[in-house]
Amino acid sequence: MTVLERILQLRLERNWSEYRLSEESGIAQTTISSWFKKDIYPSIPSLEKICKAYDISMAQFFNFDNEPVSLSPEQNELLENWNRLSGEQKTAVLNLLKTI
């Protein structure tokens, strides 16, 4: 399953239109539509907004088989700290990771 298929699956499970997903996520409906029309994947910050709209974690989003996800204590700590970062800080961390 692709990222776009997962977004669609979750939207249909909730009986949401693209407009409703747009309203819940704060992402323009034209942006969401263009992902599907042009077969392009959303950015990580956009995926975070999608997950927040669906009230799920990124781990749950990528758990296509709906099997329980277990994270190590270090992974939990990393995610907790990540969620406290501003958008600018997240970008800086991602850029740092790319250079390592």
Foldseek 3Di string as FASTA:
>chain_A
DDLLVLLVVLCVVVVHDLVLLCVLLVNDSVVNVCCVVVVNDDDPVSVCSSCVSSVHDVVCSPPVVPDDDDDDPVVVVVVVVLVPDDPVVNVVVVVVVVVD
